Amino acid sequence: MKYSVTNSEYATARLNNNGRIVIPAEIRREMGLKPGDAVVMILEDGVLRIESHRARIRNIQDEFKKLARPGALASDELVDERREEAVQEMEEWLG
């Protein structure tokens, strides 16, 4: 399988008979990938995007950080909400 890195962002490669493709060493290094690492592949508008599993988790964590309130724990908020719901359920049950 041949490939050529045309710049730091783009590379070309060919699929082998089994449909496999090699991620060039330079790109693996830049992505921090090592043998056995998991990658996530996403097809967006006909473009295959590949990112490391670690990078995907970091991206998701960053998205959730935007929703967090400073100084508040989500777990405490969930417990408080559930307690309020339990009180309402009990009031409805008792009449």
PDB file of N, CA and C in Angstrom:
ATOM      1  N   MET A   1       0.852  -1.175   0.000  1.00  0.00           N
ATOM      2  CA  MET A   1       0.000   0.000   0.000  1.00  0.00           C
ATOM      3  C   MET A   1       0.895   1.233   0.000  1.00  0.00           C
ATOM      4  N   LYS A   2       0.666   2.107  -0.941  1.00  0.00           N
ATOM      5  CA  LYS A   2       1.472   3.317  -1.033  1.00  0.00           C
ATOM      6  C   LYS A   2       0.686   4.514  -0.534  1.00  0.00           C
ATOM      7  N   TYR A   3       1.395   5.465   0.025  1.00  0.00           N
ATOM      8  CA  TYR A   3       0.772   6.711   0.432  1.00  0.00           C
ATOM      9  C   TYR A   3       1.809   7.812   0.312  1.00  0.00           C
ATOM     10  N   SER A   4       1.335   9.012   0.268  1.00  0.00           N
ATOM     11  CA  SER A   4       2.251  10.146   0.252  1.00  0.00           C
ATOM     12  C   SER A   4       1.615  11.275   1.035  1.00  0.00           C
ATOM     13  N   VAL A   5       2.406  11.874   1.886  1.00  0.00           N
ATOM     14  CA  VAL A   5       1.923  13.010   2.663  1.00  0.00           C
ATOM     15  C   VAL A   5       2.229  14.263   1.859  1.00  0.00           C
ATOM     16  N   THR A   6       1.179  14.989   1.479  1.00  0.00           N
ATOM     17  CA  THR A   6       1.371  16.178   0.645  1.00  0.00           C
ATOM     18  C   THR A   6       1.626  17.427   1.484  1.00  0.00           C
ATOM     19  N   ASN A   7       1.119  17.447   2.705  1.00  0.00           N
ATOM     20  CA  ASN A   7       1.452  18.486   3.677  1.00  0.00           C
ATOM     21  C   ASN A   7       1.033  17.939   5.039  1.00  0.00           C
ATOM     22  N   SER A   8       1.088  18.728   6.077  1.00  0.00           N
ATOM     23  CA  SER A   8       0.805  18.210   7.414  1.00  0.00           C
ATOM     24  C   SER A   8      -0.667  17.867   7.623  1.00  0.00           C
ATOM     25  N   GLU A   9      -1.553  18.284   6.716  1.00  0.00           N
ATOM     26  CA  GLU A   9      -2.973  18.038   6.909  1.00  0.00           C
ATOM     27  C   GLU A   9      -3.544  16.981   5.964  1.00  0.00           C
ATOM     28  N   TYR A  10      -2.915  16.723   4.840  1.00  0.00           N
ATOM     29  CA  TYR A  10      -3.484  15.840   3.836  1.00  0.00           C
ATOM     30  C   TYR A  10      -2.526  14.723   3.477  1.00  0.00           C
ATOM     31  N   ALA A  11      -3.087  13.577   3.176  1.00  0.00           N
ATOM     32  CA  ALA A  11      -2.303  12.439   2.697  1.00  0.00           C
ATOM     33  C   ALA A  11      -3.179  11.659   1.732  1.00  0.00           C
ATOM     34  N   THR A  12      -2.526  10.942   0.825  1.00  0.00           N
ATOM     35  CA  THR A  12      -3.279  10.045  -0.050  1.00  0.00           C
ATOM     36  C   THR A  12      -2.851   8.623   0.264  1.00  0.00           C
ATOM     37  N   ALA A  13      -3.768   7.690   0.075  1.00  0.00           N
ATOM     38  CA  ALA A  13      -3.479   6.277   0.312  1.00  0.00           C
ATOM     39  C   ALA A  13      -4.395   5.468  -0.581  1.00  0.00           C
ATOM     40  N   ARG A  14      -4.107   4.186  -0.694  1.00  0.00           N
ATOM     41  CA  ARG A  14      -4.947   3.286  -1.487  1.00  0.00           C
ATOM     42  C   ARG A  14      -5.481   2.187  -0.595  1.00  0.00           C
ATOM     43  N   LEU A  15      -6.716   1.798  -0.878  1.00  0.00           N
ATOM     44  CA  LEU A  15      -7.301   0.664  -0.172  1.00  0.00           C
ATOM     45  C   LEU A  15      -6.677  -0.619  -0.697  1.00  0.00           C
ATOM     46  N   ASN A  16      -6.443  -1.592   0.204  1.00  0.00           N
ATOM     47  CA  ASN A  16      -5.987  -2.882  -0.286  1.00  0.00           C
ATOM     48  C   ASN A  16      -7.202  -3.734  -0.644  1.00  0.00           C
ATOM     49  N   ASN A  17      -6.982  -4.965  -1.037  1.00  0.00           N
ATOM     50  CA  ASN A  17      -8.081  -5.839  -1.466  1.00  0.00           C
ATOM     51  C   ASN A  17      -9.091  -6.114  -0.359  1.00  0.00           C
ATOM     52  N   ASN A  18      -8.682  -5.984   0.882  1.00  0.00           N
ATOM     53  CA  ASN A  18      -9.586  -6.212   2.015  1.00  0.00           C
ATOM     54  C   ASN A  18     -10.278  -4.939   2.480  1.00  0.00           C
ATOM     55  N   GLY A  19     -10.072  -3.842   1.768  1.00  0.00           N
ATOM     56  CA  GLY A  19     -10.704  -2.579   2.152  1.00  0.00           C
ATOM     57  C   GLY A  19      -9.971  -1.854   3.260  1.00  0.00           C
ATOM     58  N   ARG A  20      -8.749  -2.244   3.532  1.00  0.00           N
ATOM     59  CA  ARG A  20      -7.969  -1.614   4.602  1.00  0.00           C
ATOM     60  C   ARG A  20      -7.135  -0.474   4.049  1.00  0.00           C
ATOM     61  N   ILE A  21      -6.882   0.480   4.932  1.00  0.00           N
ATOM     62  CA  ILE A  21      -6.051   1.624   4.574  1.00  0.00           C
ATOM     63  C   ILE A  21      -5.081   1.857   5.728  1.00  0.00           C
ATOM     64  N   VAL A  22      -3.879   2.280   5.405  1.00  0.00           N
ATOM     65  CA  VAL A  22      -2.870   2.569   6.426  1.00  0.00           C
ATOM     66  C   VAL A  22      -2.872   4.063   6.691  1.00  0.00           C
ATOM     67  N   ILE A  23      -2.923   4.428   7.969  1.00  0.00           N
ATOM     68  CA  ILE A  23      -2.773   5.841   8.344  1.00  0.00           C
ATOM     69  C   ILE A  23      -1.273   6.114   8.378  1.00  0.00           C
ATOM     70  N   PRO A  24      -0.785   7.041   7.571  1.00  0.00           N
ATOM     71  CA  PRO A  24       0.661   7.301   7.520  1.00  0.00           C
ATOM     72  C   PRO A  24       1.236   7.615   8.903  1.00  0.00           C
ATOM     73  N   ALA A  25       2.488   7.199   9.100  1.00  0.00           N
ATOM     74  CA  ALA A  25       3.162   7.346  10.393  1.00  0.00           C
ATOM     75  C   ALA A  25       3.159   8.791  10.885  1.00  0.00           C
ATOM     76  N   GLU A  26       3.371   9.740   9.986  1.00  0.00           N
ATOM     77  CA  GLU A  26       3.405  11.153  10.385  1.00  0.00           C
ATOM     78  C   GLU A  26       2.058  11.583  10.970  1.00  0.00           C
ATOM     79  N   ILE A  27       0.989  11.133  10.354  1.00  0.00           N
ATOM     80  CA  ILE A  27      -0.347  11.487  10.854  1.00  0.00           C
ATOM     81  C   ILE A  27      -0.626  10.759  12.165  1.00  0.00           C
ATOM     82  N   ARG A  28      -0.229   9.483  12.267  1.00  0.00           N
ATOM     83  CA  ARG A  28      -0.420   8.747  13.532  1.00  0.00           C
ATOM     84  C   ARG A  28       0.315   9.437  14.668  1.00  0.00           C
ATOM     85  N   ARG A  29       1.532   9.888  14.393  1.00  0.00           N
ATOM     86  CA  ARG A  29       2.300  10.602  15.429  1.00  0.00           C
ATOM     87  C   ARG A  29       1.582  11.881  15.839  1.00  0.00           C
ATOM     88  N   GLU A  30       1.123  12.647  14.852  1.00  0.00           N
ATOM     89  CA  GLU A  30       0.443  13.910  15.142  1.00  0.00           C
ATOM     90  C   GLU A  30      -0.844  13.679  15.942  1.00  0.00           C
ATOM     91  N   MET A  31      -1.528  12.553  15.658  1.00  0.00           N
ATOM     92  CA  MET A  31      -2.766  12.226  16.366  1.00  0.00           C
ATOM     93  C   MET A  31      -2.492  11.544  17.709  1.00  0.00           C
ATOM     94  N   GLY A  32      -1.245  11.161  17.956  1.00  0.00           N
ATOM     95  CA  GLY A  32      -0.906  10.472  19.194  1.00  0.00           C
ATOM     96  C   GLY A  32      -1.374   9.025  19.202  1.00  0.00           C
ATOM     97  N   LEU A  33      -1.505   8.420  18.024  1.00  0.00           N
ATOM     98  CA  LEU A  33      -1.980   7.038  17.931  1.00  0.00           C
ATOM     99  C   LEU A  33      -0.830   6.055  18.042  1.00  0.00           C
ATOM    100  N   LYS A  34      -1.092   4.978  18.766  1.00  0.00           N
ATOM    101  CA  LYS A  34      -0.123   3.899  18.922  1.00  0.00           C
ATOM    102  C   LYS A  34      -0.807   2.591  18.538  1.00  0.00           C
ATOM    103  N   PRO A  35      -0.043   1.560  18.186  1.00  0.00           N
ATOM    104  CA  PRO A  35      -0.665   0.279  17.822  1.00  0.00           C
ATOM    105  C   PRO A  35      -1.654  -0.188  18.890  1.00  0.00           C
ATOM    106  N   GLY A  36      -2.828  -0.596  18.459  1.00  0.00           N
ATOM    107  CA  GLY A  36      -3.859  -1.076  19.375  1.00  0.00           C
ATOM    108  C   GLY A  36      -4.817   0.000  19.859  1.00  0.00           C
ATOM    109  N   ASP A  37      -4.507   1.271  19.595  1.00  0.00           N
ATOM    110  CA  ASP A  37      -5.408   2.356  20.009  1.00  0.00           C
ATOM    111  C   ASP A  37      -6.719   2.284  19.220  1.00  0.00           C
ATOM    112  N   ALA A  38      -7.791   2.681  19.864  1.00  0.00           N
ATOM    113  CA  ALA A  38      -9.099   2.737  19.212  1.00  0.00           C
ATOM    114  C   ALA A  38      -9.253   4.074  18.496  1.00  0.00           C
ATOM    115  N   VAL A  39      -9.918   4.040  17.353  1.00  0.00           N
ATOM    116  CA  VAL A  39     -10.248   5.264  16.637  1.00  0.00           C
ATOM    117  C   VAL A  39     -11.745   5.283  16.390  1.00  0.00           C
ATOM    118  N   VAL A  40     -12.271   6.480  16.224  1.00  0.00           N
ATOM    119  CA  VAL A  40     -13.685   6.669  15.921  1.00  0.00           C
ATOM    120  C   VAL A  40     -13.756   7.204  14.498  1.00  0.00           C
ATOM    121  N   MET A  41     -14.592   6.577  13.677  1.00  0.00           N
ATOM    122  CA  MET A  41     -14.758   7.014  12.293  1.00  0.00           C
ATOM    123  C   MET A  41     -16.171   7.535  12.124  1.00  0.00           C
ATOM    124  N   ILE A  42     -16.286   8.725  11.546  1.00  0.00           N
ATOM    125  CA  ILE A  42     -17.572   9.366  11.350  1.00  0.00           C
ATOM    126  C   ILE A  42     -17.661   9.792   9.887  1.00  0.00           C
ATOM    127  N   LEU A  43     -18.755   9.436   9.232  1.00  0.00           N
ATOM    128  CA  LEU A  43     -18.974   9.851   7.855  1.00  0.00           C
ATOM    129  C   LEU A  43     -19.877  11.073   7.871  1.00  0.00           C
ATOM    130  N   GLU A  44     -19.339  12.202   7.421  1.00  0.00           N
ATOM    131  CA  GLU A  44     -20.064  13.471   7.403  1.00  0.00           C
ATOM    132  C   GLU A  44     -20.090  14.008   5.983  1.00  0.00           C
ATOM    133  N   ASP A  45     -21.264  14.031   5.387  1.00  0.00           N
ATOM    134  CA  ASP A  45     -21.416  14.554   4.027  1.00  0.00           C
ATOM    135  C   ASP A  45     -20.428  13.913   3.052  1.00  0.00           C
ATOM    136  N   GLY A  46     -20.254  12.605   3.166  1.00  0.00           N
ATOM    137  CA  GLY A  46     -19.373  11.883   2.258  1.00  0.00           C
ATOM    138  C   GLY A  46     -17.905  11.974   2.589  1.00  0.00           C
ATOM    139  N   VAL A  47     -17.564  12.609   3.698  1.00  0.00           N
ATOM    140  CA  VAL A  47     -16.171  12.749   4.118  1.00  0.00           C
ATOM    141  C   VAL A  47     -15.953  11.884   5.360  1.00  0.00           C
ATOM    142  N   LEU A  48     -14.949  11.005   5.292  1.00  0.00           N
ATOM    143  CA  LEU A  48     -14.634  10.146   6.428  1.00  0.00           C
ATOM    144  C   LEU A  48     -13.714  10.897   7.379  1.00  0.00           C
ATOM    145  N   ARG A  49     -14.168  11.048   8.603  1.00  0.00           N
ATOM    146  CA  ARG A  49     -13.384  11.729   9.635  1.00  0.00           C
ATOM    147  C   ARG A  49     -12.924  10.664  10.623  1.00  0.00           C
ATOM    148  N   ILE A  50     -11.647  10.670  10.937  1.00  0.00           N
ATOM    149  CA  ILE A  50     -11.088   9.706  11.881  1.00  0.00           C
ATOM    150  C   ILE A  50     -10.453  10.483  13.023  1.00  0.00           C
ATOM    151  N   GLU A  51     -10.819  10.116  14.249  1.00  0.00           N
ATOM    152  CA  GLU A  51     -10.179  10.744  15.405  1.00  0.00           C
ATOM    153  C   GLU A  51      -9.895   9.669  16.442  1.00  0.00           C
ATOM    154  N   SER A  52      -8.921   9.930  17.273  1.00  0.00           N
ATOM    155  CA  SER A  52      -8.593   8.963  18.311  1.00  0.00           C
ATOM    156  C   SER A  52      -9.742   8.896  19.314  1.00  0.00           C
ATOM    157  N   HIS A  53      -9.853   7.772  19.961  1.00  0.00           N
ATOM    158  CA  HIS A  53     -10.894   7.598  20.970  1.00  0.00           C
ATOM    159  C   HIS A  53     -10.710   8.622  22.087  1.00  0.00           C
ATOM    160  N   ARG A  54      -9.453   8.843  22.483  1.00  0.00           N
ATOM    161  CA  ARG A  54      -9.159   9.828  23.533  1.00  0.00           C
ATOM    162  C   ARG A  54      -9.610  11.227  23.109  1.00  0.00           C
ATOM    163  N   ALA A  55      -9.348  11.592  21.844  1.00  0.00           N
ATOM    164  CA  ALA A  55      -9.749  12.920  21.363  1.00  0.00           C
ATOM    165  C   ALA A  55     -11.264  13.045  21.350  1.00  0.00           C
ATOM    166  N   ARG A  56     -11.958  11.974  20.968  1.00  0.00           N
ATOM    167  CA  ARG A  56     -13.428  12.006  20.948  1.00  0.00           C
ATOM    168  C   ARG A  56     -13.976  12.232  22.349  1.00  0.00           C
ATOM    169  N   ILE A  57     -13.416  11.528  23.330  1.00  0.00           N
ATOM    170  CA  ILE A  57     -13.851  11.693  24.726  1.00  0.00           C
ATOM    171  C   ILE A  57     -13.591  13.123  25.188  1.00  0.00           C
ATOM    172  N   ARG A  58     -12.407  13.665  24.863  1.00  0.00           N
ATOM    173  CA  ARG A  58     -12.102  15.055  25.254  1.00  0.00           C
ATOM    174  C   ARG A  58     -13.095  16.030  24.630  1.00  0.00           C
ATOM    175  N   ASN A  59     -13.441  15.818  23.365  1.00  0.00           N
ATOM    176  CA  ASN A  59     -14.401  16.703  22.695  1.00  0.00           C
ATOM    177  C   ASN A  59     -15.768  16.647  23.372  1.00  0.00           C
ATOM    178  N   ILE A  60     -16.204  15.456  23.729  1.00  0.00           N
ATOM    179  CA  ILE A  60     -17.492  15.305  24.418  1.00  0.00           C
ATOM    180  C   ILE A  60     -17.443  15.976  25.786  1.00  0.00           C
ATOM    181  N   GLN A  61     -16.342  15.774  26.520  1.00  0.00           N
ATOM    182  CA  GLN A  61     -16.198  16.411  27.825  1.00  0.00           C
ATOM    183  C   GLN A  61     -16.233  17.931  27.695  1.00  0.00           C
ATOM    184  N   ASP A  62     -15.585  18.458  26.670  1.00  0.00           N
ATOM    185  CA  ASP A  62     -15.585  19.910  26.456  1.00  0.00           C
ATOM    186  C   ASP A  62     -16.998  20.428  26.193  1.00  0.00           C
ATOM    187  N   GLU A  63     -17.793  19.655  25.441  1.00  0.00           N
ATOM    188  CA  GLU A  63     -19.175  20.055  25.177  1.00  0.00           C
ATOM    189  C   GLU A  63     -19.991  20.084  26.475  1.00  0.00           C
ATOM    190  N   PHE A  64     -19.794  19.095  27.331  1.00  0.00           N
ATOM    191  CA  PHE A  64     -20.529  19.059  28.591  1.00  0.00           C
ATOM    192  C   PHE A  64     -20.067  20.148  29.551  1.00  0.00           C
ATOM    193  N   LYS A  65     -18.797  20.533  29.489  1.00  0.00           N
ATOM    194  CA  LYS A  65     -18.294  21.600  30.349  1.00  0.00           C
ATOM    195  C   LYS A  65     -19.049  22.900  30.106  1.00  0.00           C
ATOM    196  N   LYS A  66     -19.464  23.127  28.863  1.00  0.00           N
ATOM    197  CA  LYS A  66     -20.211  24.336  28.532  1.00  0.00           C
ATOM    198  C   LYS A  66     -21.547  24.386  29.261  1.00  0.00           C
ATOM    199  N   LEU A  67     -22.082  23.218  29.614  1.00  0.00           N
ATOM    200  CA  LEU A  67     -23.377  23.150  30.284  1.00  0.00           C
ATOM    201  C   LEU A  67     -23.271  23.234  31.808  1.00  0.00           C
ATOM    202  N   ALA A  68     -22.071  23.045  32.332  1.00  0.00           N
ATOM    203  CA  ALA A  68     -21.881  23.010  33.783  1.00  0.00           C
ATOM    204  C   ALA A  68     -21.924  24.417  34.373  1.00  0.00           C
ATOM    205  N   ARG A  69     -22.507  24.493  35.553  1.00  0.00           N
ATOM    206  CA  ARG A  69     -22.505  25.769  36.274  1.00  0.00           C
ATOM    207  C   ARG A  69     -21.301  25.788  37.205  1.00  0.00           C
ATOM    208  N   PRO A  70     -20.558  26.875  37.227  1.00  0.00           N
ATOM    209  CA  PRO A  70     -19.387  26.954  38.104  1.00  0.00           C
ATOM    210  C   PRO A  70     -19.782  26.757  39.566  1.00  0.00           C
ATOM    211  N   GLY A  71     -19.041  25.941  40.268  1.00  0.00           N
ATOM    212  CA  GLY A  71     -19.274  25.713  41.682  1.00  0.00           C
ATOM    213  C   GLY A  71     -20.399  24.745  42.000  1.00  0.00           C
ATOM    214  N   ALA A  72     -21.034  24.178  40.994  1.00  0.00           N
ATOM    215  CA  ALA A  72     -22.147  23.245  41.218  1.00  0.00           C
ATOM    216  C   ALA A  72     -21.781  21.875  40.654  1.00  0.00           C
ATOM    217  N   LEU A  73     -22.136  20.838  41.400  1.00  0.00           N
ATOM    218  CA  LEU A  73     -21.934  19.476  40.922  1.00  0.00           C
ATOM    219  C   LEU A  73     -23.221  18.969  40.298  1.00  0.00           C
ATOM    220  N   ALA A  74     -23.104  18.398  39.116  1.00  0.00           N
ATOM    221  CA  ALA A  74     -24.285  17.864  38.439  1.00  0.00           C
ATOM    222  C   ALA A  74     -24.945  16.778  39.274  1.00  0.00           C
ATOM    223  N   SER A  75     -24.141  15.977  39.967  1.00  0.00           N
ATOM    224  CA  SER A  75     -24.707  14.905  40.785  1.00  0.00           C
ATOM    225  C   SER A  75     -25.571  15.471  41.913  1.00  0.00           C
ATOM    226  N   ASP A  76     -25.125  16.565  42.547  1.00  0.00           N
ATOM    227  CA  ASP A  76     -25.927  17.191  43.602  1.00  0.00           C
ATOM    228  C   ASP A  76     -27.233  17.741  43.034  1.00  0.00           C
ATOM    229  N   GLU A  77     -27.164  18.338  41.847  1.00  0.00           N
ATOM    230  CA  GLU A  77     -28.370  18.868  41.219  1.00  0.00           C
ATOM    231  C   GLU A  77     -29.359  17.746  40.901  1.00  0.00           C
ATOM    232  N   LEU A  78     -28.846  16.617  40.407  1.00  0.00           N
ATOM    233  CA  LEU A  78     -29.723  15.492  40.094  1.00  0.00           C
ATOM    234  C   LEU A  78     -30.387  14.922  41.347  1.00  0.00           C
ATOM    235  N   VAL A  79     -29.616  14.813  42.430  1.00  0.00           N
ATOM    236  CA  VAL A  79     -30.179  14.313  43.694  1.00  0.00           C
ATOM    237  C   VAL A  79     -31.263  15.258  44.189  1.00  0.00           C
ATOM    238  N   ASP A  80     -31.002  16.565  44.146  1.00  0.00           N
ATOM    239  CA  ASP A  80     -31.996  17.547  44.584  1.00  0.00           C
ATOM    240  C   ASP A  80     -33.274  17.465  43.736  1.00  0.00           C
ATOM    241  N   GLU A  81     -33.098  17.342  42.411  1.00  0.00           N
ATOM    242  CA  GLU A  81     -34.268  17.224  41.533  1.00  0.00           C
ATOM    243  C   GLU A  81     -35.068  15.964  41.851  1.00  0.00           C
ATOM    244  N   ARG A  82     -34.375  14.867  42.079  1.00  0.00           N
ATOM    245  CA  ARG A  82     -35.072  13.610  42.374  1.00  0.00           C
ATOM    246  C   ARG A  82     -35.811  13.683  43.703  1.00  0.00           C
ATOM    247  N   ARG A  83     -35.216  14.356  44.692  1.00  0.00           N
ATOM    248  CA  ARG A  83     -35.890  14.527  45.986  1.00  0.00           C
ATOM    249  C   ARG A  83     -37.174  15.336  45.816  1.00  0.00           C
ATOM    250  N   GLU A  84     -37.101  16.408  45.025  1.00  0.00           N
ATOM    251  CA  GLU A  84     -38.294  17.231  44.769  1.00  0.00           C
ATOM    252  C   GLU A  84     -39.373  16.407  44.066  1.00  0.00           C
ATOM    253  N   GLU A  85     -38.968  15.592  43.098  1.00  0.00           N
ATOM    254  CA  GLU A  85     -39.925  14.737  42.398  1.00  0.00           C
ATOM    255  C   GLU A  85     -40.557  13.729  43.353  1.00  0.00           C
ATOM    256  N   ALA A  86     -39.742  13.181  44.259  1.00  0.00           N
ATOM    257  CA  ALA A  86     -40.260  12.200  45.215  1.00  0.00           C
ATOM    258  C   ALA A  86     -41.285  12.838  46.143  1.00  0.00           C
ATOM    259  N   VAL A  87     -41.028  14.073  46.574  1.00  0.00           N
ATOM    260  CA  VAL A  87     -41.972  14.785  47.433  1.00  0.00           C
ATOM    261  C   VAL A  87     -43.279  15.013  46.682  1.00  0.00           C
ATOM    262  N   GLN A  88     -43.182  15.442  45.419  1.00  0.00           N
ATOM    263  CA  GLN A  88     -44.386  15.665  44.608  1.00  0.00           C
ATOM    264  C   GLN A  88     -45.163  14.365  44.393  1.00  0.00           C
ATOM    265  N   GLU A  89     -44.451  13.279  44.133  1.00  0.00           N
ATOM    266  CA  GLU A  89     -45.115  11.989  43.940  1.00  0.00           C
ATOM    267  C   GLU A  89     -45.844  11.556  45.217  1.00  0.00           C
ATOM    268  N   MET A  90     -45.193  11.773  46.361  1.00  0.00           N
ATOM    269  CA  MET A  90     -45.792  11.395  47.632  1.00  0.00           C
ATOM    270  C   MET A  90     -47.031  12.246  47.913  1.00  0.00           C
ATOM    271  N   GLU A  91     -46.952  13.544  47.643  1.00  0.00           N
ATOM    272  CA  GLU A  91     -48.093  14.441  47.850  1.00  0.00           C
ATOM    273  C   GLU A  91     -49.269  14.028  46.953  1.00  0.00           C
ATOM    274  N   GLU A  92     -48.956  13.676  45.698  1.00  0.00           N
ATOM    275  CA  GLU A  92     -50.017  13.230  44.788  1.00  0.00           C
ATOM    276  C   GLU A  92     -50.637  11.913  45.265  1.00  0.00           C
ATOM    277  N   TRP A  93     -49.813  11.017  45.769  1.00  0.00           N
ATOM    278  CA  TRP A  93     -50.293   9.712  46.233  1.00  0.00           C
ATOM    279  C   TRP A  93     -51.169   9.856  47.476  1.00  0.00           C
ATOM    280  N   LEU A  94     -50.768  10.768  48.383  1.00  0.00           N
ATOM    281  CA  LEU A  94     -51.506  10.975  49.624  1.00  0.00           C
ATOM    282  C   LEU A  94     -52.762  11.824  49.395  1.00  0.00           C
ATOM    283  N   GLY A  95     -52.742  12.593  48.347  1.00  0.00           N
ATOM    284  CA  GLY A  95     -53.902  13.403  48.023  1.00  0.00           C
ATOM    285  C   GLY A  95     -53.830  14.709  48.617  1.00  0.00           C
TER     286      GLY A  95
END
